[in-house]
PDB file of all heavy atoms in Angstrom:
ATOM      1  N   ARG A   1      -7.021   2.312  -0.344  1.00  0.00           N
ATOM      2  CA  ARG A   1      -7.550   1.498   0.820  1.00  0.00           C
ATOM      3  C   ARG A   1      -6.633   0.320   1.123  1.00  0.00           C
ATOM      4  O   ARG A   1      -6.357   0.069   2.283  1.00  0.00           O
ATOM      5  CB  ARG A   1      -8.951   1.083   0.584  1.00  0.00           C
ATOM      6  CG  ARG A   1     -10.010   2.190   0.842  1.00  0.00           C
ATOM      7  CD  ARG A   1     -11.349   1.627   0.926  1.00  0.00           C
ATOM      8  NE  ARG A   1     -11.796   0.781  -0.207  1.00  0.00           N
ATOM      9  CZ  ARG A   1     -12.287   1.302  -1.361  1.00  0.00           C
ATOM     10  NH1 ARG A   1     -12.455   2.595  -1.496  1.00  0.00           N
ATOM     11  NH2 ARG A   1     -12.664   0.497  -2.339  1.00  0.00           N
ATOM     12  N   ARG A   2      -6.140  -0.330   0.034  1.00  0.00           N
ATOM     13  CA  ARG A   2      -5.222  -1.445   0.279  1.00  0.00           C
ATOM     14  C   ARG A   2      -3.917  -0.974   0.862  1.00  0.00           C
ATOM     15  O   ARG A   2      -3.374  -1.617   1.790  1.00  0.00           O
ATOM     16  CB  ARG A   2      -4.957  -2.188  -1.024  1.00  0.00           C
ATOM     17  CG  ARG A   2      -6.026  -3.102  -1.455  1.00  0.00           C
ATOM     18  CD  ARG A   2      -5.625  -4.014  -2.591  1.00  0.00           C
ATOM     19  NE  ARG A   2      -5.129  -3.357  -3.747  1.00  0.00           N
ATOM     20  CZ  ARG A   2      -5.929  -2.853  -4.755  1.00  0.00           C
ATOM     21  NH1 ARG A   2      -7.230  -2.949  -4.665  1.00  0.00           N
ATOM     22  NH2 ARG A   2      -5.386  -2.288  -5.782  1.00  0.00           N
ATOM     23  N   LEU A   3      -3.444   0.164   0.443  1.00  0.00           N
ATOM     24  CA  LEU A   3      -2.208   0.678   0.997  1.00  0.00           C
ATOM     25  C   LEU A   3      -2.410   1.144   2.459  1.00  0.00           C
ATOM     26  O   LEU A   3      -1.544   0.942   3.338  1.00  0.00           O
ATOM     27  CB  LEU A   3      -1.731   1.886   0.133  1.00  0.00           C
ATOM     28  CG  LEU A   3      -1.168   1.539  -1.243  1.00  0.00           C
ATOM     29  CD1 LEU A   3      -0.863   2.825  -2.068  1.00  0.00           C
ATOM     30  CD2 LEU A   3       0.068   0.647  -1.169  1.00  0.00           C
ATOM     31  N   GLN A   4      -3.559   1.732   2.740  1.00  0.00           N
ATOM     32  CA  GLN A   4      -3.913   2.198   4.096  1.00  0.00           C
ATOM     33  C   GLN A   4      -3.996   0.993   5.072  1.00  0.00           C
ATOM     34  O   GLN A   4      -3.747   1.166   6.266  1.00  0.00           O
ATOM     35  CB  GLN A   4      -5.161   2.937   4.112  1.00  0.00           C
ATOM     36  CG  GLN A   4      -5.087   4.327   3.492  1.00  0.00           C
ATOM     37  CD  GLN A   4      -6.387   5.005   3.316  1.00  0.00           C
ATOM     38  OE1 GLN A   4      -7.437   4.362   3.208  1.00  0.00           O
ATOM     39  NE2 GLN A   4      -6.371   6.330   3.324  1.00  0.00           N
ATOM     40  N   ALA A   5      -4.312  -0.152   4.565  1.00  0.00           N
ATOM     41  CA  ALA A   5      -4.419  -1.396   5.388  1.00  0.00           C
ATOM     42  C   ALA A   5      -3.027  -2.047   5.649  1.00  0.00           C
ATOM     43  O   ALA A   5      -2.924  -2.902   6.528  1.00  0.00           O
ATOM     44  CB  ALA A   5      -5.358  -2.386   4.749  1.00  0.00           C
ATOM     45  N   ASP A   6      -2.021  -1.631   4.953  1.00  0.00           N
ATOM     46  CA  ASP A   6      -0.727  -2.279   5.050  1.00  0.00           C
ATOM     47  C   ASP A   6       0.006  -1.699   6.257  1.00  0.00           C
ATOM     48  O   ASP A   6       0.363  -0.550   6.325  1.00  0.00           O
ATOM     49  CB  ASP A   6       0.064  -1.977   3.762  1.00  0.00           C
ATOM     50  CG  ASP A   6       1.341  -2.731   3.670  1.00  0.00           C
ATOM     51  OD1 ASP A   6       2.001  -3.058   4.736  1.00  0.00           O
ATOM     52  OD2 ASP A   6       1.735  -3.109   2.576  1.00  0.00           O
ATOM     53  N   PRO A   7       0.319  -2.580   7.188  1.00  0.00           N
ATOM     54  CA  PRO A   7       1.045  -2.134   8.407  1.00  0.00           C
ATOM     55  C   PRO A   7       2.428  -1.529   8.195  1.00  0.00           C
ATOM     56  O   PRO A   7       2.838  -0.615   8.910  1.00  0.00           O
ATOM     57  CB  PRO A   7       1.093  -3.392   9.318  1.00  0.00           C
ATOM     58  CG  PRO A   7       0.189  -4.363   8.677  1.00  0.00           C
ATOM     59  CD  PRO A   7      -0.052  -3.931   7.297  1.00  0.00           C
ATOM     60  N   SER A   8       3.077  -2.016   7.114  1.00  0.00           N
ATOM     61  CA  SER A   8       4.373  -1.509   6.835  1.00  0.00           C
ATOM     62  C   SER A   8       4.331  -0.033   6.410  1.00  0.00           C
ATOM     63  O   SER A   8       5.307   0.651   6.483  1.00  0.00           O
ATOM     64  CB  SER A   8       5.095  -2.357   5.799  1.00  0.00           C
ATOM     65  OG  SER A   8       4.444  -2.278   4.540  1.00  0.00           O
ATOM     66  N   LEU A   9       3.153   0.412   5.945  1.00  0.00           N
ATOM     67  CA  LEU A   9       3.005   1.859   5.719  1.00  0.00           C
ATOM     68  C   LEU A   9       2.438   2.582   6.889  1.00  0.00           C
ATOM     69  O   LEU A   9       2.856   3.668   7.228  1.00  0.00           O
ATOM     70  CB  LEU A   9       2.148   2.024   4.465  1.00  0.00           C
ATOM     71  CG  LEU A   9       2.730   1.632   3.118  1.00  0.00           C
ATOM     72  CD1 LEU A   9       1.712   1.702   2.010  1.00  0.00           C
ATOM     73  CD2 LEU A   9       3.969   2.439   2.794  1.00  0.00           C
ATOM     74  N   ARG A  10       1.424   2.014   7.483  1.00  0.00           N
ATOM     75  CA  ARG A  10       0.676   2.669   8.594  1.00  0.00           C
ATOM     76  C   ARG A  10       1.593   2.927   9.746  1.00  0.00           C
ATOM     77  O   ARG A  10       1.384   3.907  10.538  1.00  0.00           O
ATOM     78  CB  ARG A  10      -0.473   1.846   9.013  1.00  0.00           C
ATOM     79  CG  ARG A  10      -1.695   1.838   8.154  1.00  0.00           C
ATOM     80  CD  ARG A  10      -2.871   1.292   8.792  1.00  0.00           C
ATOM     81  NE  ARG A  10      -2.529   0.334   9.817  1.00  0.00           N
ATOM     82  CZ  ARG A  10      -3.157  -0.844  10.011  1.00  0.00           C
ATOM     83  NH1 ARG A  10      -4.124  -1.165   9.237  1.00  0.00           N
ATOM     84  NH2 ARG A  10      -2.822  -1.679  11.030  1.00  0.00           N
ATOM     85  N   PHE A  11       2.516   2.101  10.032  1.00  0.00           N
ATOM     86  CA  PHE A  11       3.313   2.179  11.231  1.00  0.00           C
ATOM     87  C   PHE A  11       4.699   2.699  11.029  1.00  0.00           C
ATOM     88  O   PHE A  11       5.639   2.542  11.876  1.00  0.00           O
ATOM     89  CB  PHE A  11       3.429   0.859  11.969  1.00  0.00           C
ATOM     90  CG  PHE A  11       2.026   0.288  12.297  1.00  0.00           C
ATOM     91  CD1 PHE A  11       1.628  -0.985  11.970  1.00  0.00           C
ATOM     92  CD2 PHE A  11       1.118   1.084  12.963  1.00  0.00           C
ATOM     93  CE1 PHE A  11       0.352  -1.437  12.332  1.00  0.00           C
ATOM     94  CE2 PHE A  11      -0.157   0.656  13.352  1.00  0.00           C
ATOM     95  CZ  PHE A  11      -0.564  -0.669  12.996  1.00  0.00           C
ATOM     96  N   THR A  12       4.956   3.410   9.919  1.00  0.00           N
ATOM     97  CA  THR A  12       6.191   4.164   9.656  1.00  0.00           C
ATOM     98  C   THR A  12       5.872   5.615   9.352  1.00  0.00           C
ATOM     99  O   THR A  12       4.868   5.893   8.774  1.00  0.00           O
ATOM    100  CB  THR A  12       7.098   3.515   8.552  1.00  0.00           C
ATOM    101  OG1 THR A  12       6.274   3.706   7.364  1.00  0.00           O
ATOM    102  CG2 THR A  12       7.336   2.032   8.808  1.00  0.00           C
ATOM    103  N   GLU A  13       6.783   6.482   9.754  1.00  0.00           N
ATOM    104  CA  GLU A  13       6.537   7.919   9.466  1.00  0.00           C
ATOM    105  C   GLU A  13       6.468   8.200   7.988  1.00  0.00           C
ATOM    106  O   GLU A  13       5.564   8.916   7.539  1.00  0.00           O
ATOM    107  CB  GLU A  13       7.620   8.774  10.094  1.00  0.00           C
ATOM    108  CG  GLU A  13       7.440  10.254  10.003  1.00  0.00           C
ATOM    109  CD  GLU A  13       6.082  10.728  10.620  1.00  0.00           C
ATOM    110  OE1 GLU A  13       5.643  10.147  11.634  1.00  0.00           O
ATOM    111  OE2 GLU A  13       5.431  11.600  10.041  1.00  0.00           O
ATOM    112  N   VAL A  14       7.393   7.604   7.214  1.00  0.00           N
ATOM    113  CA  VAL A  14       7.395   7.789   5.784  1.00  0.00           C
ATOM    114  C   VAL A  14       6.046   7.287   5.149  1.00  0.00           C
ATOM    115  O   VAL A  14       5.444   7.924   4.315  1.00  0.00           O
ATOM    116  CB  VAL A  14       8.589   7.066   5.106  1.00  0.00           C
ATOM    117  CG1 VAL A  14       8.435   7.078   3.594  1.00  0.00           C
ATOM    118  CG2 VAL A  14       9.879   7.787   5.562  1.00  0.00           C
ATOM    119  N   GLY A  15       5.601   6.075   5.633  1.00  0.00           N
ATOM    120  CA  GLY A  15       4.423   5.510   5.112  1.00  0.00           C
ATOM    121  C   GLY A  15       3.227   6.417   5.502  1.00  0.00           C
ATOM    122  O   GLY A  15       2.317   6.609   4.652  1.00  0.00           O
ATOM    123  N   ARG A  16       3.143   6.867   6.738  1.00  0.00           N
ATOM    124  CA  ARG A  16       2.025   7.718   7.106  1.00  0.00           C
ATOM    125  C   ARG A  16       1.993   8.975   6.317  1.00  0.00           C
ATOM    126  O   ARG A  16       0.919   9.462   5.865  1.00  0.00           O
ATOM    127  CB  ARG A  16       2.080   8.058   8.547  1.00  0.00           C
ATOM    128  CG  ARG A  16       1.621   6.852   9.472  1.00  0.00           C
ATOM    129  CD  ARG A  16       1.472   7.294  10.905  1.00  0.00           C
ATOM    130  NE  ARG A  16       2.744   7.746  11.523  1.00  0.00           N
ATOM    131  CZ  ARG A  16       3.581   7.036  12.138  1.00  0.00           C
ATOM    132  NH1 ARG A  16       3.405   5.741  12.229  1.00  0.00           N
ATOM    133  NH2 ARG A  16       4.734   7.511  12.669  1.00  0.00           N
ATOM    134  N   LYS A  17       3.140   9.576   5.983  1.00  0.00           N
ATOM    135  CA  LYS A  17       3.214  10.773   5.264  1.00  0.00           C
ATOM    136  C   LYS A  17       2.708  10.508   3.786  1.00  0.00           C
ATOM    137  O   LYS A  17       1.955  11.246   3.184  1.00  0.00           O
ATOM    138  CB  LYS A  17       4.673  11.314   5.151  1.00  0.00           C
ATOM    139  CG  LYS A  17       4.838  12.673   4.433  1.00  0.00           C
ATOM    140  CD  LYS A  17       6.288  13.046   4.611  1.00  0.00           C
ATOM    141  CE  LYS A  17       6.500  14.471   3.972  1.00  0.00           C
ATOM    142  NZ  LYS A  17       7.877  14.881   4.171  1.00  0.00           N
ATOM    143  N   LEU A  18       3.082   9.381   3.195  1.00  0.00           N
ATOM    144  CA  LEU A  18       2.638   9.018   1.863  1.00  0.00           C
ATOM    145  C   LEU A  18       1.084   8.781   1.910  1.00  0.00           C
ATOM    146  O   LEU A  18       0.366   9.307   0.995  1.00  0.00           O
ATOM    147  CB  LEU A  18       3.315   7.750   1.418  1.00  0.00           C
ATOM    148  CG  LEU A  18       2.748   7.186   0.066  1.00  0.00           C
ATOM    149  CD1 LEU A  18       3.162   8.182  -1.112  1.00  0.00           C
ATOM    150  CD2 LEU A  18       3.349   5.853  -0.275  1.00  0.00           C
ATOM    151  N   LEU A  19       0.632   8.075   2.928  1.00  0.00           N
ATOM    152  CA  LEU A  19      -0.812   7.875   2.972  1.00  0.00           C
ATOM    153  C   LEU A  19      -1.648   9.150   3.116  1.00  0.00           C
ATOM    154  O   LEU A  19      -2.687   9.260   2.502  1.00  0.00           O
ATOM    155  CB  LEU A  19      -1.132   6.866   4.131  1.00  0.00           C
ATOM    156  CG  LEU A  19      -0.610   5.431   3.946  1.00  0.00           C
ATOM    157  CD1 LEU A  19      -0.846   4.642   5.165  1.00  0.00           C
ATOM    158  CD2 LEU A  19      -1.261   4.810   2.688  1.00  0.00           C
ATOM    159  N   ARG A  20      -1.119  10.124   3.830  1.00  0.00           N
ATOM    160  CA  ARG A  20      -1.802  11.368   3.914  1.00  0.00           C
ATOM    161  C   ARG A  20      -1.814  12.089   2.561  1.00  0.00           C
ATOM    162  O   ARG A  20      -2.815  12.673   2.152  1.00  0.00           O
ATOM    163  CB  ARG A  20      -1.122  12.338   4.967  1.00  0.00           C
ATOM    164  CG  ARG A  20      -1.377  12.001   6.369  1.00  0.00           C
ATOM    165  CD  ARG A  20      -0.946  13.058   7.327  1.00  0.00           C
ATOM    166  NE  ARG A  20       0.500  13.292   7.315  1.00  0.00           N
ATOM    167  CZ  ARG A  20       1.396  12.576   8.079  1.00  0.00           C
ATOM    168  NH1 ARG A  20       0.967  11.623   8.932  1.00  0.00           N
ATOM    169  NH2 ARG A  20       2.708  12.854   7.980  1.00  0.00           N
ATOM    170  N   THR A  21      -0.702  11.981   1.837  1.00  0.00           N
ATOM    171  CA  THR A  21      -0.635  12.586   0.503  1.00  0.00           C
ATOM    172  C   THR A  21      -1.574  11.920  -0.495  1.00  0.00           C
ATOM    173  O   THR A  21      -2.110  12.602  -1.374  1.00  0.00           O
ATOM    174  CB  THR A  21       0.810  12.467  -0.063  1.00  0.00           C
ATOM    175  OG1 THR A  21       1.687  13.071   0.881  1.00  0.00           O
ATOM    176  CG2 THR A  21       0.953  13.152  -1.357  1.00  0.00           C
ATOM    177  N   LEU A  22      -1.810  10.617  -0.322  1.00  0.00           N
ATOM    178  CA  LEU A  22      -2.683   9.817  -1.204  1.00  0.00           C
ATOM    179  C   LEU A  22      -4.089   9.876  -0.789  1.00  0.00           C
ATOM    180  O   LEU A  22      -4.899   9.129  -1.312  1.00  0.00           O
ATOM    181  CB  LEU A  22      -2.184   8.431  -1.299  1.00  0.00           C
ATOM    182  CG  LEU A  22      -0.807   8.194  -1.920  1.00  0.00           C
ATOM    183  CD1 LEU A  22      -0.380   6.707  -1.851  1.00  0.00           C
ATOM    184  CD2 LEU A  22      -0.807   8.615  -3.362  1.00  0.00           C
ATOM    185  N   ASP A  23      -4.528  10.684   0.240  1.00  0.00           N
ATOM    186  CA  ASP A  23      -5.836  10.734   0.751  1.00  0.00           C
ATOM    187  C   ASP A  23      -6.902  10.702  -0.291  1.00  0.00           C
ATOM    188  O   ASP A  23      -6.932  11.614  -1.169  1.00  0.00           O
ATOM    189  CB  ASP A  23      -5.956  12.007   1.638  1.00  0.00           C
ATOM    190  CG  ASP A  23      -7.310  12.052   2.292  1.00  0.00           C
ATOM    191  OD1 ASP A  23      -8.231  11.147   2.058  1.00  0.00           O
ATOM    192  OD2 ASP A  23      -7.551  13.024   3.019  1.00  0.00           O
ATOM    193  N   PRO A  24      -7.785   9.701  -0.326  1.00  0.00           N
ATOM    194  CA  PRO A  24      -8.742   9.666  -1.414  1.00  0.00           C
ATOM    195  C   PRO A  24      -9.777  10.730  -1.394  1.00  0.00           C
ATOM    196  O   PRO A  24     -10.527  10.977  -2.310  1.00  0.00           O
ATOM    197  CB  PRO A  24      -9.416   8.277  -1.198  1.00  0.00           C
ATOM    198  CG  PRO A  24      -9.141   7.878   0.211  1.00  0.00           C
ATOM    199  CD  PRO A  24      -7.828   8.620   0.564  1.00  0.00           C
ATOM    200  N   SER A  25      -9.935  11.481  -0.270  1.00  0.00           N
ATOM    201  CA  SER A  25     -10.909  12.595  -0.183  1.00  0.00           C
ATOM    202  C   SER A  25     -10.353  13.833  -0.896  1.00  0.00           C
ATOM    203  O   SER A  25     -11.079  14.783  -1.083  1.00  0.00           O
ATOM    204  CB  SER A  25     -11.198  12.900   1.241  1.00  0.00           C
ATOM    205  OG  SER A  25     -10.123  13.441   1.903  1.00  0.00           O
ATOM    206  N   ALA A  26      -9.070  13.749  -1.318  1.00  0.00           N
ATOM    207  CA  ALA A  26      -8.442  14.884  -2.055  1.00  0.00           C
ATOM    208  C   ALA A  26      -9.117  14.972  -3.504  1.00  0.00           C
ATOM    209  O   ALA A  26      -9.817  14.096  -3.890  1.00  0.00           O
ATOM    210  CB  ALA A  26      -6.945  14.721  -2.163  1.00  0.00           C
ATOM    211  N   THR A  27      -8.896  16.074  -4.146  1.00  0.00           N
ATOM    212  CA  THR A  27      -9.436  16.315  -5.471  1.00  0.00           C
ATOM    213  C   THR A  27      -9.044  15.212  -6.433  1.00  0.00           C
ATOM    214  O   THR A  27      -7.899  14.772  -6.497  1.00  0.00           O
ATOM    215  CB  THR A  27      -8.991  17.685  -5.944  1.00  0.00           C
ATOM    216  OG1 THR A  27      -9.387  18.670  -5.008  1.00  0.00           O
ATOM    217  CG2 THR A  27      -9.675  17.980  -7.264  1.00  0.00           C
ATOM    218  N   ARG A  28      -9.996  14.800  -7.258  1.00  0.00           N
ATOM    219  CA  ARG A  28      -9.746  13.752  -8.244  1.00  0.00           C
ATOM    220  C   ARG A  28      -9.556  14.462  -9.591  1.00  0.00           C
ATOM    221  O   ARG A  28      -9.935  15.596  -9.807  1.00  0.00           O
ATOM    222  CB  ARG A  28     -10.926  12.760  -8.329  1.00  0.00           C
ATOM    223  CG  ARG A  28     -11.073  11.940  -7.095  1.00  0.00           C
ATOM    224  CD  ARG A  28     -12.160  10.972  -7.148  1.00  0.00           C
ATOM    225  NE  ARG A  28     -12.185  10.023  -6.086  1.00  0.00           N
ATOM    226  CZ  ARG A  28     -12.453  10.251  -4.875  1.00  0.00           C
ATOM    227  NH1 ARG A  28     -12.738  11.435  -4.477  1.00  0.00           N
ATOM    228  NH2 ARG A  28     -12.420   9.286  -3.935  1.00  0.00           N
ATOM    229  N   PRO A  29      -8.882  13.751 -10.532  1.00  0.00           N
ATOM    230  CA  PRO A  29      -8.539  14.393 -11.781  1.00  0.00           C
ATOM    231  C   PRO A  29      -9.716  15.041 -12.543  1.00  0.00           C
ATOM    232  O   PRO A  29      -9.535  16.095 -13.176  1.00  0.00           O
ATOM    233  CB  PRO A  29      -7.940  13.224 -12.599  1.00  0.00           C
ATOM    234  CG  PRO A  29      -7.328  12.293 -11.610  1.00  0.00           C
ATOM    235  CD  PRO A  29      -8.249  12.401 -10.443  1.00  0.00           C
ATOM    236  N   HIS A  30     -10.901  14.427 -12.483  1.00  0.00           N
ATOM    237  CA  HIS A  30     -12.043  15.005 -13.218  1.00  0.00           C
ATOM    238  C   HIS A  30     -12.463  16.284 -12.549  1.00  0.00           C
ATOM    239  O   HIS A  30     -13.295  17.034 -13.146  1.00  0.00           O
ATOM    240  CB  HIS A  30     -13.188  14.037 -13.277  1.00  0.00           C
ATOM    241  CG  HIS A  30     -13.766  13.601 -11.985  1.00  0.00           C
ATOM    242  ND1 HIS A  30     -13.226  12.531 -11.259  1.00  0.00           N
ATOM    243  CD2 HIS A  30     -14.805  14.153 -11.243  1.00  0.00           C
ATOM    244  CE1 HIS A  30     -13.967  12.450 -10.084  1.00  0.00           C
ATOM    245  NE2 HIS A  30     -14.929  13.373 -10.158  1.00  0.00           N
ATOM    246  N   ASP A  31     -12.055  16.636 -11.380  1.00  0.00           N
ATOM    247  CA  ASP A  31     -12.378  17.920 -10.748  1.00  0.00           C
ATOM    248  C   ASP A  31     -11.397  19.072 -11.137  1.00  0.00           C
ATOM    249  O   ASP A  31     -11.735  20.214 -10.861  1.00  0.00           O
ATOM    250  CB  ASP A  31     -12.267  17.793  -9.188  1.00  0.00           C
ATOM    251  CG  ASP A  31     -13.289  16.723  -8.650  1.00  0.00           C
ATOM    252  OD1 ASP A  31     -14.315  16.564  -9.310  1.00  0.00           O
ATOM    253  OD2 ASP A  31     -12.965  16.194  -7.578  1.00  0.00           O
ATOM    254  N   TRP A  32     -10.333  18.761 -11.790  1.00  0.00           N
ATOM    255  CA  TRP A  32      -9.278  19.795 -12.065  1.00  0.00           C
ATOM    256  C   TRP A  32      -9.829  20.842 -12.977  1.00  0.00           C
ATOM    257  O   TRP A  32      -9.556  22.096 -12.720  1.00  0.00           O
ATOM    258  CB  TRP A  32      -8.057  19.180 -12.699  1.00  0.00           C
ATOM    259  CG  TRP A  32      -7.281  18.246 -11.846  1.00  0.00           C
ATOM    260  CD1 TRP A  32      -6.898  16.977 -12.140  1.00  0.00           C
ATOM    261  CD2 TRP A  32      -6.778  18.485 -10.503  1.00  0.00           C
ATOM    262  NE1 TRP A  32      -6.169  16.447 -11.131  1.00  0.00           N
ATOM    263  CE2 TRP A  32      -6.122  17.359 -10.138  1.00  0.00           C
ATOM    264  CE3 TRP A  32      -6.805  19.564  -9.646  1.00  0.00           C
ATOM    265  CZ2 TRP A  32      -5.454  17.193  -8.907  1.00  0.00           C
ATOM    266  CZ3 TRP A  32      -6.222  19.420  -8.381  1.00  0.00           C
ATOM    267  CH2 TRP A  32      -5.550  18.317  -8.015  1.00  0.00           C
ATOM    268  N   ALA A  33     -10.581  20.589 -14.020  1.00  0.00           N
ATOM    269  CA  ALA A  33     -11.004  21.640 -14.924  1.00  0.00           C
ATOM    270  C   ALA A  33     -11.996  22.593 -14.224  1.00  0.00           C
ATOM    271  O   ALA A  33     -11.831  23.824 -14.425  1.00  0.00           O
ATOM    272  CB  ALA A  33     -11.708  20.993 -16.151  1.00  0.00           C
ATOM    273  N   ALA A  34     -12.874  22.036 -13.423  1.00  0.00           N
ATOM    274  CA  ALA A  34     -13.771  22.934 -12.625  1.00  0.00           C
ATOM    275  C   ALA A  34     -12.997  23.747 -11.650  1.00  0.00           C
ATOM    276  O   ALA A  34     -13.326  24.962 -11.489  1.00  0.00           O
ATOM    277  CB  ALA A  34     -14.835  22.086 -11.925  1.00  0.00           C
ATOM    278  N   MET A  35     -11.993  23.211 -11.057  1.00  0.00           N
ATOM    279  CA  MET A  35     -11.201  23.956 -10.077  1.00  0.00           C
ATOM    280  C   MET A  35     -10.441  25.031 -10.791  1.00  0.00           C
ATOM    281  O   MET A  35     -10.418  26.220 -10.336  1.00  0.00           O
ATOM    282  CB  MET A  35     -10.226  22.985  -9.369  1.00  0.00           C
ATOM    283  CG  MET A  35      -9.401  23.712  -8.314  1.00  0.00           C
ATOM    284  SD  MET A  35      -8.210  22.624  -7.481  1.00  0.00           S
ATOM    285  CE  MET A  35      -9.209  21.626  -6.556  1.00  0.00           C
ATOM    286  N   ALA A  36      -9.859  24.734 -11.887  1.00  0.00           N
ATOM    287  CA  ALA A  36      -9.066  25.731 -12.692  1.00  0.00           C
ATOM    288  C   ALA A  36      -9.876  26.887 -13.140  1.00  0.00           C
ATOM    289  O   ALA A  36      -9.461  28.031 -13.067  1.00  0.00           O
ATOM    290  CB  ALA A  36      -8.380  25.063 -13.897  1.00  0.00           C
ATOM    291  N   SER A  37     -11.159  26.637 -13.494  1.00  0.00           N
ATOM    292  CA  SER A  37     -12.034  27.803 -13.942  1.00  0.00           C
ATOM    293  C   SER A  37     -12.518  28.575 -12.768  1.00  0.00           C
ATOM    294  O   SER A  37     -12.968  29.730 -12.926  1.00  0.00           O
ATOM    295  CB  SER A  37     -13.171  27.241 -14.786  1.00  0.00           C
ATOM    296  OG  SER A  37     -13.983  26.474 -13.996  1.00  0.00           O
ATOM    297  N   SER A  38     -12.463  28.053 -11.529  1.00  0.00           N
ATOM    298  CA  SER A  38     -12.961  28.753 -10.424  1.00  0.00           C
ATOM    299  C   SER A  38     -11.867  29.540  -9.623  1.00  0.00           C
ATOM    300  O   SER A  38     -12.223  30.327  -8.769  1.00  0.00           O
ATOM    301  CB  SER A  38     -13.628  27.791  -9.457  1.00  0.00           C
ATOM    302  OG  SER A  38     -14.674  27.144 -10.074  1.00  0.00           O
ATOM    303  N   LEU A  39     -10.683  29.246  -9.903  1.00  0.00           N
ATOM    304  CA  LEU A  39      -9.567  29.916  -9.115  1.00  0.00           C
ATOM    305  C   LEU A  39      -9.329  31.322  -9.604  1.00  0.00           C
ATOM    306  O   LEU A  39      -9.487  31.579 -10.827  1.00  0.00           O
ATOM    307  CB  LEU A  39      -8.258  29.100  -9.213  1.00  0.00           C
ATOM    308  CG  LEU A  39      -8.291  27.716  -8.571  1.00  0.00           C
ATOM    309  CD1 LEU A  39      -7.094  26.845  -8.935  1.00  0.00           C
ATOM    310  CD2 LEU A  39      -8.380  27.872  -7.063  1.00  0.00           C
ATOM    311  N   PRO A  40      -8.871  32.216  -8.674  1.00  0.00           N
ATOM    312  CA  PRO A  40      -8.661  33.613  -9.165  1.00  0.00           C
ATOM    313  C   PRO A  40      -7.474  33.618 -10.156  1.00  0.00           C
ATOM    314  O   PRO A  40      -6.497  32.974 -10.006  1.00  0.00           O
ATOM    315  CB  PRO A  40      -8.269  34.311  -7.860  1.00  0.00           C
ATOM    316  CG  PRO A  40      -8.339  33.345  -6.727  1.00  0.00           C
ATOM    317  CD  PRO A  40      -8.704  32.028  -7.321  1.00  0.00           C
ATOM    318  N   MET A  41      -7.699  34.390 -11.180  1.00  0.00           N
ATOM    319  CA  MET A  41      -6.622  34.477 -12.263  1.00  0.00           C
ATOM    320  C   MET A  41      -5.295  34.971 -11.763  1.00  0.00           C
ATOM    321  O   MET A  41      -4.256  34.449 -12.248  1.00  0.00           O
ATOM    322  CB  MET A  41      -7.170  35.360 -13.391  1.00  0.00           C
ATOM    323  CG  MET A  41      -6.296  35.306 -14.622  1.00  0.00           C
ATOM    324  SD  MET A  41      -6.069  33.591 -15.129  1.00  0.00           S
ATOM    325  CE  MET A  41      -7.068  33.632 -16.604  1.00  0.00           C
TER     326      MET A  41
END
């Protein structure tokens, strides 16, 4: 959230790309085991 509020990231293409990659709605580390057991072998 602090990074998303930083204009030097929000208003540059590289910054926006990084912020999309860091999206907090993405899977969190504690979800990895459940995801791994649910994916097709």
